[in-house]
Amino acid sequence: MYQPLGFALGWAGGALAGAAFRTTWKAIRHEDDAPDALDRDRGWGEVLLAAAVQGAIFAVVRSAVDRAGAKAIEHSTGVWPASEKGGRD
């Protein structure tokens, strides 16, 4: 029962994390587009900063979405969705 919900929450969480990253990058650097690794006109510092910020935001959103989904399943069924420690990792 958790897998379909987890998939939908993961997709929505990814969209939310992407929007949060774009907003955060705009606030940090006042630019609409963040650099990526193959952006020739950007320096190492900018590329690595963008990657670090993006990774942190995605990890936090993913954990929050996974936890909220697990709590919702537990609340509705009385059973925690994972029988052992772990999850996607």
N, C-alpha and C. Protein backbone atom coordinates (compact mmCIF):
# COMPACT_ATOMS: atom_id res chain seq x y z
N MET A 1 0.82 -1.20 0.00
CA MET A 1 0.00 0.00 0.00
C MET A 1 0.87 1.26 0.00
N TYR A 2 2.03 1.18 0.61
CA TYR A 2 2.88 2.37 0.69
C TYR A 2 3.56 2.69 -0.64
N GLN A 3 3.89 1.68 -1.43
CA GLN A 3 4.66 1.93 -2.65
C GLN A 3 3.98 2.90 -3.61
N PRO A 4 2.70 2.75 -3.93
CA PRO A 4 2.09 3.74 -4.83
C PRO A 4 2.05 5.14 -4.22
N LEU A 5 1.77 5.20 -2.92
CA LEU A 5 1.77 6.50 -2.24
C LEU A 5 3.18 7.07 -2.22
N GLY A 6 4.17 6.24 -1.93
CA GLY A 6 5.55 6.67 -1.91
C GLY A 6 6.01 7.19 -3.26
N PHE A 7 5.58 6.53 -4.34
CA PHE A 7 5.93 6.99 -5.68
C PHE A 7 5.34 8.36 -5.96
N ALA A 8 4.06 8.52 -5.65
CA ALA A 8 3.39 9.81 -5.89
C ALA A 8 4.00 10.91 -5.03
N LEU A 9 4.28 10.59 -3.77
CA LEU A 9 4.89 11.58 -2.90
C LEU A 9 6.31 11.93 -3.36
N GLY A 10 7.04 10.94 -3.85
CA GLY A 10 8.38 11.19 -4.36
C GLY A 10 8.36 12.12 -5.56
N TRP A 11 7.43 11.91 -6.45
CA TRP A 11 7.30 12.76 -7.64
C TRP A 11 6.94 14.18 -7.22
N ALA A 12 5.97 14.31 -6.34
CA ALA A 12 5.56 15.63 -5.87
C ALA A 12 6.69 16.30 -5.08
N GLY A 13 7.41 15.52 -4.28
CA GLY A 13 8.53 16.05 -3.52
C GLY A 13 9.64 16.55 -4.43
N GLY A 14 9.89 15.84 -5.51
CA GLY A 14 10.90 16.28 -6.48
C GLY A 14 10.53 17.60 -7.11
N ALA A 15 9.26 17.75 -7.46
CA ALA A 15 8.79 19.02 -8.03
C ALA A 15 8.91 20.15 -7.01
N LEU A 16 8.54 19.86 -5.77
CA LEU A 16 8.65 20.84 -4.70
C LEU A 16 10.10 21.23 -4.44
N ALA A 17 10.99 20.24 -4.41
CA ALA A 17 12.41 20.51 -4.18
C ALA A 17 13.00 21.33 -5.32
N GLY A 18 12.60 21.04 -6.55
CA GLY A 18 13.08 21.82 -7.68
C GLY A 18 12.67 23.28 -7.59
N ALA A 19 11.42 23.50 -7.21
CA ALA A 19 10.93 24.88 -7.06
C ALA A 19 11.64 25.57 -5.90
N ALA A 20 11.86 24.84 -4.81
CA ALA A 20 12.56 25.42 -3.66
C ALA A 20 14.00 25.77 -4.02
N PHE A 21 14.65 24.92 -4.81
CA PHE A 21 16.02 25.20 -5.21
C PHE A 21 16.08 26.44 -6.11
N ARG A 22 15.18 26.53 -7.07
CA ARG A 22 15.18 27.71 -7.95
C ARG A 22 14.97 28.99 -7.15
N THR A 23 14.06 28.97 -6.20
CA THR A 23 13.80 30.13 -5.37
C THR A 23 15.02 30.46 -4.50
N THR A 24 15.63 29.44 -3.92
CA THR A 24 16.80 29.64 -3.08
C THR A 24 17.98 30.18 -3.89
N TRP A 25 18.20 29.62 -5.08
CA TRP A 25 19.31 30.09 -5.91
C TRP A 25 19.11 31.55 -6.30
N LYS A 26 17.88 31.89 -6.63
CA LYS A 26 17.59 33.28 -7.00
C LYS A 26 17.87 34.21 -5.82
N ALA A 27 17.55 33.78 -4.61
CA ALA A 27 17.80 34.59 -3.42
C ALA A 27 19.30 34.70 -3.12
N ILE A 28 20.04 33.61 -3.35
CA ILE A 28 21.47 33.61 -3.06
C ILE A 28 22.26 34.42 -4.08
N ARG A 29 22.01 34.15 -5.35
CA ARG A 29 22.84 34.72 -6.42
C ARG A 29 22.13 35.75 -7.30
N HIS A 30 20.84 35.96 -7.08
CA HIS A 30 20.06 36.91 -7.88
C HIS A 30 20.11 36.56 -9.37
N GLU A 31 20.08 35.28 -9.66
CA GLU A 31 20.08 34.75 -11.03
C GLU A 31 18.92 33.78 -11.18
N ASP A 32 18.35 33.73 -12.38
CA ASP A 32 17.25 32.79 -12.62
C ASP A 32 17.74 31.37 -12.84
N ASP A 33 18.91 31.22 -13.44
CA ASP A 33 19.41 29.89 -13.77
C ASP A 33 20.65 29.56 -12.95
N ALA A 34 20.61 28.39 -12.33
CA ALA A 34 21.78 27.91 -11.59
C ALA A 34 22.72 27.22 -12.56
N PRO A 35 24.02 27.27 -12.29
CA PRO A 35 24.96 26.59 -13.17
C PRO A 35 24.90 25.08 -12.98
N ASP A 36 25.30 24.36 -14.02
CA ASP A 36 25.48 22.93 -13.86
C ASP A 36 26.93 22.59 -14.20
N ALA A 37 27.29 21.36 -14.08
CA ALA A 37 28.69 20.95 -14.22
C ALA A 37 29.27 21.25 -15.60
N LEU A 38 28.44 21.29 -16.61
CA LEU A 38 28.94 21.51 -17.97
C LEU A 38 28.77 22.95 -18.44
N ASP A 39 28.49 23.84 -17.53
CA ASP A 39 28.32 25.26 -17.86
C ASP A 39 29.71 25.88 -18.01
N ARG A 40 30.13 26.09 -19.23
CA ARG A 40 31.50 26.53 -19.54
C ARG A 40 31.83 27.89 -18.94
N ASP A 41 30.85 28.78 -18.85
CA ASP A 41 31.09 30.15 -18.41
C ASP A 41 31.04 30.33 -16.90
N ARG A 42 30.89 29.26 -16.15
CA ARG A 42 30.83 29.34 -14.69
C ARG A 42 32.06 28.71 -14.09
N GLY A 43 32.48 29.23 -12.95
CA GLY A 43 33.66 28.70 -12.27
C GLY A 43 33.32 27.51 -11.39
N TRP A 44 34.38 26.86 -10.92
CA TRP A 44 34.22 25.71 -10.04
C TRP A 44 33.40 26.06 -8.80
N GLY A 45 33.69 27.19 -8.21
CA GLY A 45 33.00 27.58 -6.98
C GLY A 45 31.51 27.69 -7.17
N GLU A 46 31.10 28.34 -8.25
CA GLU A 46 29.66 28.49 -8.52
C GLU A 46 28.99 27.15 -8.76
N VAL A 47 29.65 26.31 -9.56
CA VAL A 47 29.08 25.00 -9.90
C VAL A 47 28.95 24.14 -8.64
N LEU A 48 29.99 24.12 -7.82
CA LEU A 48 29.94 23.30 -6.61
C LEU A 48 28.98 23.85 -5.56
N LEU A 49 28.89 25.17 -5.46
CA LEU A 49 27.91 25.77 -4.56
C LEU A 49 26.49 25.40 -4.98
N ALA A 50 26.21 25.51 -6.26
CA ALA A 50 24.88 25.16 -6.75
C ALA A 50 24.57 23.70 -6.47
N ALA A 51 25.54 22.82 -6.70
CA ALA A 51 25.32 21.39 -6.45
C ALA A 51 25.09 21.10 -4.97
N ALA A 52 25.85 21.76 -4.11
CA ALA A 52 25.69 21.55 -2.66
C ALA A 52 24.32 22.04 -2.18
N VAL A 53 23.92 23.21 -2.61
CA VAL A 53 22.62 23.76 -2.21
C VAL A 53 21.50 22.86 -2.73
N GLN A 54 21.60 22.47 -3.99
CA GLN A 54 20.57 21.61 -4.57
C GLN A 54 20.49 20.27 -3.85
N GLY A 55 21.64 19.67 -3.57
CA GLY A 55 21.65 18.39 -2.87
C GLY A 55 21.05 18.47 -1.48
N ALA A 56 21.39 19.53 -0.76
CA ALA A 56 20.84 19.71 0.59
C ALA A 56 19.33 19.87 0.56
N ILE A 57 18.85 20.68 -0.37
CA ILE A 57 17.40 20.91 -0.46
C ILE A 57 16.69 19.63 -0.84
N PHE A 58 17.20 18.90 -1.82
CA PHE A 58 16.55 17.65 -2.23
C PHE A 58 16.56 16.62 -1.10
N ALA A 59 17.64 16.53 -0.35
CA ALA A 59 17.70 15.56 0.76
C ALA A 59 16.69 15.90 1.85
N VAL A 60 16.58 17.17 2.19
CA VAL A 60 15.63 17.58 3.23
C VAL A 60 14.19 17.34 2.77
N VAL A 61 13.88 17.73 1.54
CA VAL A 61 12.51 17.55 1.04
C VAL A 61 12.19 16.06 0.94
N ARG A 62 13.13 15.27 0.44
CA ARG A 62 12.90 13.83 0.31
C ARG A 62 12.62 13.20 1.67
N SER A 63 13.42 13.55 2.66
CA SER A 63 13.21 12.99 4.00
C SER A 63 11.88 13.43 4.59
N ALA A 64 11.54 14.70 4.41
CA ALA A 64 10.26 15.20 4.93
C ALA A 64 9.08 14.51 4.26
N VAL A 65 9.15 14.34 2.97
CA VAL A 65 8.06 13.69 2.23
C VAL A 65 7.95 12.22 2.61
N ASP A 66 9.09 11.52 2.68
CA ASP A 66 9.07 10.11 3.08
C ASP A 66 8.50 9.94 4.48
N ARG A 67 8.93 10.79 5.39
CA ARG A 67 8.46 10.69 6.78
C ARG A 67 6.97 10.98 6.87
N ALA A 68 6.52 12.02 6.17
CA ALA A 68 5.09 12.36 6.19
C ALA A 68 4.25 11.23 5.62
N GLY A 69 4.73 10.62 4.54
CA GLY A 69 4.00 9.50 3.95
C GLY A 69 3.93 8.31 4.88
N ALA A 70 5.04 7.98 5.53
CA ALA A 70 5.06 6.86 6.47
C ALA A 70 4.14 7.12 7.66
N LYS A 71 4.17 8.36 8.17
CA LYS A 71 3.28 8.69 9.28
C LYS A 71 1.81 8.61 8.86
N ALA A 72 1.50 9.04 7.64
CA ALA A 72 0.12 8.97 7.15
C ALA A 72 -0.35 7.52 7.03
N ILE A 73 0.52 6.65 6.54
CA ILE A 73 0.17 5.22 6.44
C ILE A 73 -0.02 4.64 7.84
N GLU A 74 0.89 4.97 8.75
CA GLU A 74 0.75 4.46 10.12
C GLU A 74 -0.55 4.96 10.76
N HIS A 75 -0.86 6.21 10.53
CA HIS A 75 -2.09 6.77 11.11
C HIS A 75 -3.33 6.09 10.55
N SER A 76 -3.33 5.82 9.24
CA SER A 76 -4.53 5.24 8.63
C SER A 76 -4.64 3.73 8.80
N THR A 77 -3.51 3.02 8.92
CA THR A 77 -3.56 1.56 9.02
C THR A 77 -3.12 1.02 10.37
N GLY A 78 -2.40 1.83 11.13
CA GLY A 78 -1.87 1.36 12.40
C GLY A 78 -0.56 0.60 12.26
N VAL A 79 -0.02 0.54 11.05
CA VAL A 79 1.21 -0.21 10.79
C VAL A 79 2.21 0.70 10.11
N TRP A 80 3.45 0.68 10.62
CA TRP A 80 4.53 1.44 9.98
C TRP A 80 4.84 0.75 8.65
N PRO A 81 5.03 1.50 7.56
CA PRO A 81 5.15 0.88 6.24
C PRO A 81 6.42 0.06 6.00
N ALA A 82 7.47 0.26 6.74
CA ALA A 82 8.70 -0.51 6.55
C ALA A 82 8.90 -1.42 7.75
N SER A 83 9.10 -2.69 7.47
CA SER A 83 9.28 -3.65 8.57
C SER A 83 10.68 -3.58 9.17
N GLU A 84 11.61 -2.99 8.43
CA GLU A 84 12.98 -2.87 8.91
C GLU A 84 13.47 -1.46 8.68
N LYS A 85 14.54 -1.11 9.34
CA LYS A 85 15.13 0.22 9.14
C LYS A 85 15.54 0.35 7.68
N GLY A 86 15.33 1.51 7.15
CA GLY A 86 15.72 1.74 5.77
C GLY A 86 14.61 2.42 5.02
N GLY A 87 14.68 2.33 3.78
CA GLY A 87 13.72 2.98 2.91
C GLY A 87 14.23 2.86 1.50
N ARG A 88 14.40 3.98 0.86
CA ARG A 88 14.87 3.97 -0.51
C ARG A 88 16.37 3.69 -0.61
N ASP A 89 17.09 3.99 0.43
CA ASP A 89 18.56 3.88 0.35
C ASP A 89 19.02 2.46 0.59
